[in-house]
Amino acid sequence: MTVNELTSPDLSQTPDVTGERADLLAMLATHRHFLRFTTRDLTDEQAARRTTVSELCLGGLIKHVTAVERNWANFILEGPSAMGDFTAMTEADLAQWADGFRLLPGETLAGVLADYAEVARRVDDLVATLPDLGATRPLPKAPWFHDSAWSVRRVLMHIIAETAQHAGHADIIRESLDGAKSMG
């Protein structure tokens, strides 16, 4: 799929699931679509451009949401060790984290979209095949976690919420870039 073909969520690739799993996957697919749709018809330079006082750019948001899905999928499978101890982050770790919000030299919009599509397929397959959405894992150490554990269901709802929030950010960035909107 090319950036120019992003017109509606493609639910045909979603594994044959029903009920709650189908609902979660459909909601995630919708918000992924709106996020990706903000990048339609852009060059790499446009995808890397900051259009507000924020450090965010469209290519960086795609990278960040890809990392969010990848990290939480690893958490579901491996537990908190997959994410590390956020309270022990070094300056180098923080700089690397900040780079996850930017399209860096040598990176392309097509490349980050392809990576996002691959991670999305992995997460969709995981949702379809996990034996129990109620299974819990202890959360990694981080100052923003107030609970001690999350269920797989809660992790998926977090991924959906984060994707929706960043799709809104992306819409503002895109409209500031060239006036294009995702909706309306």
C-alpha atoms as a PDB file:
ATOM      1  CA  MET A   1       0.000   0.000   0.000  1.00  0.00           C
ATOM      2  CA  THR A   2       1.355   3.415  -0.894  1.00  0.00           C
ATOM      3  CA  VAL A   3       0.743   6.615   1.032  1.00  0.00           C
ATOM      4  CA  ASN A   4      -1.533   7.830  -1.783  1.00  0.00           C
ATOM      5  CA  GLU A   5      -3.795   4.767  -1.404  1.00  0.00           C
ATOM      6  CA  LEU A   6      -4.695   5.588   2.193  1.00  0.00           C
ATOM      7  CA  THR A   7      -8.388   6.314   1.861  1.00  0.00           C
ATOM      8  CA  SER A   8     -10.113   4.065   4.395  1.00  0.00           C
ATOM      9  CA  PRO A   9      -9.191   1.495   7.026  1.00  0.00           C
ATOM     10  CA  ASP A  10      -8.412  -1.896   5.487  1.00  0.00           C
ATOM     11  CA  LEU A  11     -10.111  -4.370   7.769  1.00  0.00           C
ATOM     12  CA  SER A  12      -9.753  -7.184   5.245  1.00  0.00           C
ATOM     13  CA  GLN A  13      -6.304  -7.967   6.664  1.00  0.00           C
ATOM     14  CA  THR A  14      -7.676  -8.382  10.187  1.00  0.00           C
ATOM     15  CA  PRO A  15      -7.676 -12.019  11.249  1.00  0.00           C
ATOM     16  CA  ASP A  16     -11.106 -13.677  11.354  1.00  0.00           C
ATOM     17  CA  VAL A  17     -12.149 -12.736  14.878  1.00  0.00           C
ATOM     18  CA  THR A  18     -15.458 -11.852  16.470  1.00  0.00           C
ATOM     19  CA  GLY A  19     -16.815 -10.158  19.545  1.00  0.00           C
ATOM     20  CA  GLU A  20     -14.615  -8.034  21.746  1.00  0.00           C
ATOM     21  CA  ARG A  21     -11.446  -8.817  19.805  1.00  0.00           C
ATOM     22  CA  ALA A  22     -13.082  -7.725  16.546  1.00  0.00           C
ATOM     23  CA  ASP A  23     -14.268  -4.517  18.207  1.00  0.00           C
ATOM     24  CA  LEU A  24     -10.803  -3.721  19.575  1.00  0.00           C
ATOM     25  CA  LEU A  25      -9.150  -4.418  16.220  1.00  0.00           C
ATOM     26  CA  ALA A  26     -11.712  -2.357  14.309  1.00  0.00           C
ATOM     27  CA  MET A  27     -11.254   0.618  16.638  1.00  0.00           C
ATOM     28  CA  LEU A  28      -7.472   0.360  16.387  1.00  0.00           C
ATOM     29  CA  ALA A  29      -7.658   0.069  12.575  1.00  0.00           C
ATOM     30  CA  THR A  30      -9.789   3.218  12.391  1.00  0.00           C
ATOM     31  CA  HIS A  31      -7.349   5.300  14.429  1.00  0.00           C
ATOM     32  CA  ARG A  32      -4.340   3.874  12.573  1.00  0.00           C
ATOM     33  CA  HIS A  33      -6.016   4.897   9.338  1.00  0.00           C
ATOM     34  CA  PHE A  34      -6.532   8.488  10.477  1.00  0.00           C
ATOM     35  CA  LEU A  35      -2.922   8.706  11.627  1.00  0.00           C
ATOM     36  CA  ARG A  36      -1.550   7.325   8.346  1.00  0.00           C
ATOM     37  CA  PHE A  37      -3.986   9.403   6.303  1.00  0.00           C
ATOM     38  CA  THR A  38      -2.373  12.616   7.561  1.00  0.00           C
ATOM     39  CA  THR A  39       0.759  11.661   5.595  1.00  0.00           C
ATOM     40  CA  ARG A  40      -0.948  11.274   2.198  1.00  0.00           C
ATOM     41  CA  ASP A  41       0.845  12.911  -0.743  1.00  0.00           C
ATOM     42  CA  LEU A  42       3.742  14.193   1.390  1.00  0.00           C
ATOM     43  CA  THR A  43       7.424  14.220   0.573  1.00  0.00           C
ATOM     44  CA  ASP A  44      10.002  13.054   3.105  1.00  0.00           C
ATOM     45  CA  GLU A  45      10.922  16.696   3.697  1.00  0.00           C
ATOM     46  CA  GLN A  46       7.321  17.612   4.493  1.00  0.00           C
ATOM     47  CA  ALA A  47       6.937  14.575   6.771  1.00  0.00           C
ATOM     48  CA  ALA A  48      10.026  15.726   8.703  1.00  0.00           C
ATOM     49  CA  ARG A  49       8.951  19.373   9.000  1.00  0.00           C
ATOM     50  CA  ARG A  50       7.857  20.845  12.323  1.00  0.00           C
ATOM     51  CA  THR A  51       4.845  23.102  11.848  1.00  0.00           C
ATOM     52  CA  THR A  52       4.274  24.131  15.453  1.00  0.00           C
ATOM     53  CA  VAL A  53       6.482  25.082  18.382  1.00  0.00           C
ATOM     54  CA  SER A  54       6.439  21.392  19.319  1.00  0.00           C
ATOM     55  CA  GLU A  55       9.224  19.056  18.226  1.00  0.00           C
ATOM     56  CA  LEU A  56       6.616  16.802  16.600  1.00  0.00           C
ATOM     57  CA  CYS A  57       6.484  16.076  12.895  1.00  0.00           C
ATOM     58  CA  LEU A  58       4.301  13.642  10.958  1.00  0.00           C
ATOM     59  CA  GLY A  59       7.070  11.138  10.246  1.00  0.00           C
ATOM     60  CA  GLY A  60       8.098  11.260  13.897  1.00  0.00           C
ATOM     61  CA  LEU A  61       4.564  10.605  15.083  1.00  0.00           C
ATOM     62  CA  ILE A  62       4.366   7.533  12.847  1.00  0.00           C
ATOM     63  CA  LYS A  63       7.702   6.348  14.325  1.00  0.00           C
ATOM     64  CA  HIS A  64       6.517   6.980  17.875  1.00  0.00           C
ATOM     65  CA  VAL A  65       3.210   5.146  17.495  1.00  0.00           C
ATOM     66  CA  THR A  66       5.059   2.265  15.831  1.00  0.00           C
ATOM     67  CA  ALA A  67       7.379   2.075  18.839  1.00  0.00           C
ATOM     68  CA  VAL A  68       4.401   2.250  21.208  1.00  0.00           C
ATOM     69  CA  GLU A  69       2.710  -0.712  19.538  1.00  0.00           C
ATOM     70  CA  ARG A  70       5.957  -2.685  19.287  1.00  0.00           C
ATOM     71  CA  ASN A  71       6.907  -2.094  22.925  1.00  0.00           C
ATOM     72  CA  TRP A  72       3.475  -2.941  24.304  1.00  0.00           C
ATOM     73  CA  ALA A  73       3.263  -6.089  22.149  1.00  0.00           C
ATOM     74  CA  ASN A  74       6.625  -7.134  23.578  1.00  0.00           C
ATOM     75  CA  PHE A  75       5.299  -6.355  27.062  1.00  0.00           C
ATOM     76  CA  ILE A  76       2.269  -8.605  26.473  1.00  0.00           C
ATOM     77  CA  LEU A  77       4.535 -11.455  25.396  1.00  0.00           C
ATOM     78  CA  GLU A  78       7.545 -10.979  27.698  1.00  0.00           C
ATOM     79  CA  GLY A  79       6.399  -8.882  30.631  1.00  0.00           C
ATOM     80  CA  PRO A  80       7.962  -5.724  32.079  1.00  0.00           C
ATOM     81  CA  SER A  81      11.541  -6.689  31.225  1.00  0.00           C
ATOM     82  CA  ALA A  82      10.678  -6.051  27.562  1.00  0.00           C
ATOM     83  CA  MET A  83      10.277  -2.347  28.338  1.00  0.00           C
ATOM     84  CA  GLY A  84      13.062  -1.737  30.810  1.00  0.00           C
ATOM     85  CA  ASP A  85      13.207   0.420  33.916  1.00  0.00           C
ATOM     86  CA  PHE A  86      12.193   3.945  32.953  1.00  0.00           C
ATOM     87  CA  THR A  87      13.473   5.298  36.262  1.00  0.00           C
ATOM     88  CA  ALA A  88      17.023   4.311  35.255  1.00  0.00           C
ATOM     89  CA  MET A  89      17.112   6.090  31.878  1.00  0.00           C
ATOM     90  CA  THR A  90      20.362   7.860  31.057  1.00  0.00           C
ATOM     91  CA  GLU A  91      20.834  11.059  29.068  1.00  0.00           C
ATOM     92  CA  ALA A  92      21.684   8.891  26.042  1.00  0.00           C
ATOM     93  CA  ASP A  93      18.458   6.902  26.547  1.00  0.00           C
ATOM     94  CA  LEU A  94      16.459  10.133  26.729  1.00  0.00           C
ATOM     95  CA  ALA A  95      18.114  11.462  23.553  1.00  0.00           C
ATOM     96  CA  GLN A  96      17.310   8.221  21.732  1.00  0.00           C
ATOM     97  CA  TRP A  97      13.715   8.432  22.976  1.00  0.00           C
ATOM     98  CA  ALA A  98      13.453  12.031  21.686  1.00  0.00           C
ATOM     99  CA  ASP A  99      14.743  10.901  18.273  1.00  0.00           C
ATOM    100  CA  GLY A 100      11.737   8.585  18.124  1.00  0.00           C
ATOM    101  CA  PHE A 101       9.565  11.679  17.547  1.00  0.00           C
ATOM    102  CA  ARG A 102      11.571  12.898  14.522  1.00  0.00           C
ATOM    103  CA  LEU A 103      12.154  11.710  10.990  1.00  0.00           C
ATOM    104  CA  LEU A 104      15.951  11.535  11.040  1.00  0.00           C
ATOM    105  CA  PRO A 105      18.387  11.891   8.130  1.00  0.00           C
ATOM    106  CA  GLY A 106      18.317   8.706   6.074  1.00  0.00           C
ATOM    107  CA  GLU A 107      14.798   7.795   7.201  1.00  0.00           C
ATOM    108  CA  THR A 108      11.917   8.032   4.759  1.00  0.00           C
ATOM    109  CA  LEU A 109       8.194   8.383   5.152  1.00  0.00           C
ATOM    110  CA  ALA A 110       7.707   5.224   3.095  1.00  0.00           C
ATOM    111  CA  GLY A 111      10.112   3.385   5.396  1.00  0.00           C
ATOM    112  CA  VAL A 112       8.414   4.418   8.631  1.00  0.00           C
ATOM    113  CA  LEU A 113       4.983   3.638   7.160  1.00  0.00           C
ATOM    114  CA  ALA A 114       6.189   0.175   6.116  1.00  0.00           C
ATOM    115  CA  ASP A 115       7.561  -0.448   9.616  1.00  0.00           C
ATOM    116  CA  TYR A 116       4.243   0.714  11.097  1.00  0.00           C
ATOM    117  CA  ALA A 117       2.307  -1.647   8.817  1.00  0.00           C
ATOM    118  CA  GLU A 118       4.483  -4.586   9.863  1.00  0.00           C
ATOM    119  CA  VAL A 119       4.112  -3.840  13.572  1.00  0.00           C
ATOM    120  CA  ALA A 120       0.355  -3.364  13.118  1.00  0.00           C
ATOM    121  CA  ARG A 121       0.091  -6.797  11.487  1.00  0.00           C
ATOM    122  CA  ARG A 122       2.012  -8.306  14.406  1.00  0.00           C
ATOM    123  CA  VAL A 123      -0.254  -6.648  16.973  1.00  0.00           C
ATOM    124  CA  ASP A 124      -3.395  -7.688  15.073  1.00  0.00           C
ATOM    125  CA  ASP A 125      -2.176 -11.288  14.959  1.00  0.00           C
ATOM    126  CA  LEU A 126      -1.384 -11.139  18.672  1.00  0.00           C
ATOM    127  CA  VAL A 127      -4.878  -9.865  19.526  1.00  0.00           C
ATOM    128  CA  ALA A 128      -6.437 -12.595  17.394  1.00  0.00           C
ATOM    129  CA  THR A 129      -4.444 -15.444  18.927  1.00  0.00           C
ATOM    130  CA  LEU A 130      -3.929 -14.606  22.596  1.00  0.00           C
ATOM    131  CA  PRO A 131      -5.743 -17.103  24.781  1.00  0.00           C
ATOM    132  CA  ASP A 132      -6.960 -14.552  27.356  1.00  0.00           C
ATOM    133  CA  LEU A 133      -7.367 -10.766  27.088  1.00  0.00           C
ATOM    134  CA  GLY A 134      -7.786 -10.696  30.866  1.00  0.00           C
ATOM    135  CA  ALA A 135      -4.287 -12.039  31.536  1.00  0.00           C
ATOM    136  CA  THR A 136      -2.227  -9.527  33.508  1.00  0.00           C
ATOM    137  CA  ARG A 137       1.405  -8.500  33.635  1.00  0.00           C
ATOM    138  CA  PRO A 138       3.144  -6.372  36.244  1.00  0.00           C
ATOM    139  CA  LEU A 139       3.989  -2.946  34.860  1.00  0.00           C
ATOM    140  CA  PRO A 140       7.605  -1.811  34.482  1.00  0.00           C
ATOM    141  CA  LYS A 141       8.986   0.828  36.809  1.00  0.00           C
ATOM    142  CA  ALA A 142       7.943   4.256  35.589  1.00  0.00           C
ATOM    143  CA  PRO A 143       6.759   7.404  37.381  1.00  0.00           C
ATOM    144  CA  TRP A 144       3.601   7.586  35.248  1.00  0.00           C
ATOM    145  CA  PHE A 145       2.257   4.140  36.164  1.00  0.00           C
ATOM    146  CA  HIS A 146       0.026   4.226  39.217  1.00  0.00           C
ATOM    147  CA  ASP A 147      -1.228   0.657  38.878  1.00  0.00           C
ATOM    148  CA  SER A 148       0.860  -2.388  39.589  1.00  0.00           C
ATOM    149  CA  ALA A 149      -0.365  -4.479  36.663  1.00  0.00           C
ATOM    150  CA  TRP A 150      -2.378  -4.217  33.457  1.00  0.00           C
ATOM    151  CA  SER A 151      -4.395  -6.801  31.602  1.00  0.00           C
ATOM    152  CA  VAL A 152      -3.822  -7.422  27.917  1.00  0.00           C
ATOM    153  CA  ARG A 153      -7.195  -5.730  27.377  1.00  0.00           C
ATOM    154  CA  ARG A 154      -5.988  -2.615  29.212  1.00  0.00           C
ATOM    155  CA  VAL A 155      -2.787  -2.575  27.157  1.00  0.00           C
ATOM    156  CA  LEU A 156      -4.827  -2.715  23.950  1.00  0.00           C
ATOM    157  CA  MET A 157      -7.078   0.107  25.125  1.00  0.00           C
ATOM    158  CA  HIS A 158      -3.937   2.125  25.913  1.00  0.00           C
ATOM    159  CA  ILE A 159      -2.589   1.508  22.394  1.00  0.00           C
ATOM    160  CA  ILE A 160      -5.925   2.603  20.910  1.00  0.00           C
ATOM    161  CA  ALA A 161      -6.037   5.750  23.062  1.00  0.00           C
ATOM    162  CA  GLU A 162      -2.448   6.670  22.243  1.00  0.00           C
ATOM    163  CA  THR A 163      -3.019   6.128  18.520  1.00  0.00           C
ATOM    164  CA  ALA A 164      -6.184   8.269  18.594  1.00  0.00           C
ATOM    165  CA  GLN A 165      -4.450  11.041  20.527  1.00  0.00           C
ATOM    166  CA  HIS A 166      -1.524  11.140  18.121  1.00  0.00           C
ATOM    167  CA  ALA A 167      -3.843  11.024  15.101  1.00  0.00           C
ATOM    168  CA  GLY A 168      -5.303  14.269  16.433  1.00  0.00           C
ATOM    169  CA  HIS A 169      -1.833  15.752  16.845  1.00  0.00           C
ATOM    170  CA  ALA A 170      -1.003  14.654  13.305  1.00  0.00           C
ATOM    171  CA  ASP A 171      -4.140  16.302  11.938  1.00  0.00           C
ATOM    172  CA  ILE A 172      -3.108  19.634  13.481  1.00  0.00           C
ATOM    173  CA  ILE A 173       0.431  19.294  12.131  1.00  0.00           C
ATOM    174  CA  ARG A 174      -0.841  18.431   8.642  1.00  0.00           C
ATOM    175  CA  GLU A 175      -3.320  21.298   8.575  1.00  0.00           C
ATOM    176  CA  SER A 176      -0.533  23.657   9.685  1.00  0.00           C
ATOM    177  CA  LEU A 177       1.710  22.265   6.948  1.00  0.00           C
ATOM    178  CA  ASP A 178      -0.520  22.727   3.920  1.00  0.00           C
ATOM    179  CA  GLY A 179      -4.137  23.141   4.999  1.00  0.00           C
ATOM    180  CA  ALA A 180      -5.093  19.498   4.363  1.00  0.00           C
ATOM    181  CA  LYS A 181      -7.415  17.874   6.894  1.00  0.00           C
ATOM    182  CA  SER A 182      -8.157  14.279   7.782  1.00  0.00           C
ATOM    183  CA  MET A 183     -11.841  14.987   8.276  1.00  0.00           C
ATOM    184  CA  GLY A 184     -14.203  17.802   7.305  1.00  0.00           C
END
